[in-house]
């Protein structure tokens, strides 16, 4: 008897702009430099990034 394997779609965070933004904002080099991704357009053509100036 052959068993059927249930195939679930794989989760790819790069395919979801909101989740990708959260991951990048928590990445230690960006977090330490006070760099934050503010917006990623749904079609991935524009990503707005901001950096706080430390004096």
C-alpha atoms as a PDB file:
ATOM      1  CA  UNK A   1       0.000   0.000   0.000  1.00  0.00           C
ATOM      2  CA  UNK A   2       1.436   3.349  -1.039  1.00  0.00           C
ATOM      3  CA  UNK A   3       1.163   6.213   1.456  1.00  0.00           C
ATOM      4  CA  UNK A   4       0.160   9.658   0.283  1.00  0.00           C
ATOM      5  CA  UNK A   5       2.320  12.517   1.512  1.00  0.00           C
ATOM      6  CA  UNK A   6       0.542  15.724   2.415  1.00  0.00           C
ATOM      7  CA  UNK A   7       2.290  18.614   0.700  1.00  0.00           C
ATOM      8  CA  UNK A   8       1.947  21.996   2.364  1.00  0.00           C
ATOM      9  CA  UNK A   9       3.090  25.221   0.741  1.00  0.00           C
ATOM     10  CA  UNK A  10       6.429  26.381   2.129  1.00  0.00           C
ATOM     11  CA  UNK A  11       6.482  29.660   4.005  1.00  0.00           C
ATOM     12  CA  UNK A  12       8.780  32.204   2.387  1.00  0.00           C
ATOM     13  CA  UNK A  13       9.174  35.438   4.428  1.00  0.00           C
ATOM     14  CA  UNK A  14      10.766  37.169   1.454  1.00  0.00           C
ATOM     15  CA  UNK A  15       7.433  36.789  -0.340  1.00  0.00           C
ATOM     16  CA  UNK A  16       5.631  38.892   2.275  1.00  0.00           C
ATOM     17  CA  UNK A  17       6.800  42.536   2.469  1.00  0.00           C
ATOM     18  CA  UNK A  18       5.454  43.143   5.980  1.00  0.00           C
ATOM     19  CA  UNK A  19       7.193  40.112   7.483  1.00  0.00           C
ATOM     20  CA  UNK A  20      10.406  40.839   5.571  1.00  0.00           C
ATOM     21  CA  UNK A  21      10.358  44.405   6.948  1.00  0.00           C
ATOM     22  CA  UNK A  22      10.071  43.116  10.525  1.00  0.00           C
ATOM     23  CA  UNK A  23      12.956  40.676  10.009  1.00  0.00           C
ATOM     24  CA  UNK A  24      15.227  43.347   8.513  1.00  0.00           C
ATOM     25  CA  UNK A  25      14.358  45.842  11.267  1.00  0.00           C
ATOM     26  CA  UNK A  26      15.417  43.283  13.894  1.00  0.00           C
ATOM     27  CA  UNK A  27      18.658  42.330  12.125  1.00  0.00           C
ATOM     28  CA  UNK A  28      21.485  43.271  14.564  1.00  0.00           C
ATOM     29  CA  UNK A  29      23.599  45.453  12.190  1.00  0.00           C
ATOM     30  CA  UNK A  30      20.553  47.541  11.238  1.00  0.00           C
ATOM     31  CA  UNK A  31      19.251  47.605  14.792  1.00  0.00           C
ATOM     32  CA  UNK A  32      22.596  48.782  16.170  1.00  0.00           C
ATOM     33  CA  UNK A  33      22.976  51.503  13.541  1.00  0.00           C
ATOM     34  CA  UNK A  34      19.402  52.743  14.109  1.00  0.00           C
ATOM     35  CA  UNK A  35      18.409  51.907  10.524  1.00  0.00           C
ATOM     36  CA  UNK A  36      14.763  51.071   9.950  1.00  0.00           C
ATOM     37  CA  UNK A  37      12.801  49.970   6.915  1.00  0.00           C
ATOM     38  CA  UNK A  38       9.759  52.238   6.879  1.00  0.00           C
ATOM     39  CA  UNK A  39       7.895  50.943   3.854  1.00  0.00           C
ATOM     40  CA  UNK A  40       8.062  48.206   1.238  1.00  0.00           C
ATOM     41  CA  UNK A  41       5.705  48.547  -1.713  1.00  0.00           C
ATOM     42  CA  UNK A  42       3.756  45.355  -2.496  1.00  0.00           C
ATOM     43  CA  UNK A  43       5.440  44.921  -5.880  1.00  0.00           C
ATOM     44  CA  UNK A  44       8.934  45.260  -4.267  1.00  0.00           C
ATOM     45  CA  UNK A  45       9.909  48.184  -6.537  1.00  0.00           C
ATOM     46  CA  UNK A  46      10.437  50.653  -3.702  1.00  0.00           C
ATOM     47  CA  UNK A  47      11.823  50.177  -0.204  1.00  0.00           C
ATOM     48  CA  UNK A  48      12.069  53.279   2.014  1.00  0.00           C
ATOM     49  CA  UNK A  49      14.760  53.174   4.690  1.00  0.00           C
ATOM     50  CA  UNK A  50      15.498  55.726   7.425  1.00  0.00           C
ATOM     51  CA  UNK A  51      18.530  56.196   9.647  1.00  0.00           C
ATOM     52  CA  UNK A  52      18.533  58.225  12.833  1.00  0.00           C
ATOM     53  CA  UNK A  53      21.448  60.647  13.145  1.00  0.00           C
ATOM     54  CA  UNK A  54      23.432  60.266  16.333  1.00  0.00           C
ATOM     55  CA  UNK A  55      25.493  63.264  17.347  1.00  0.00           C
END
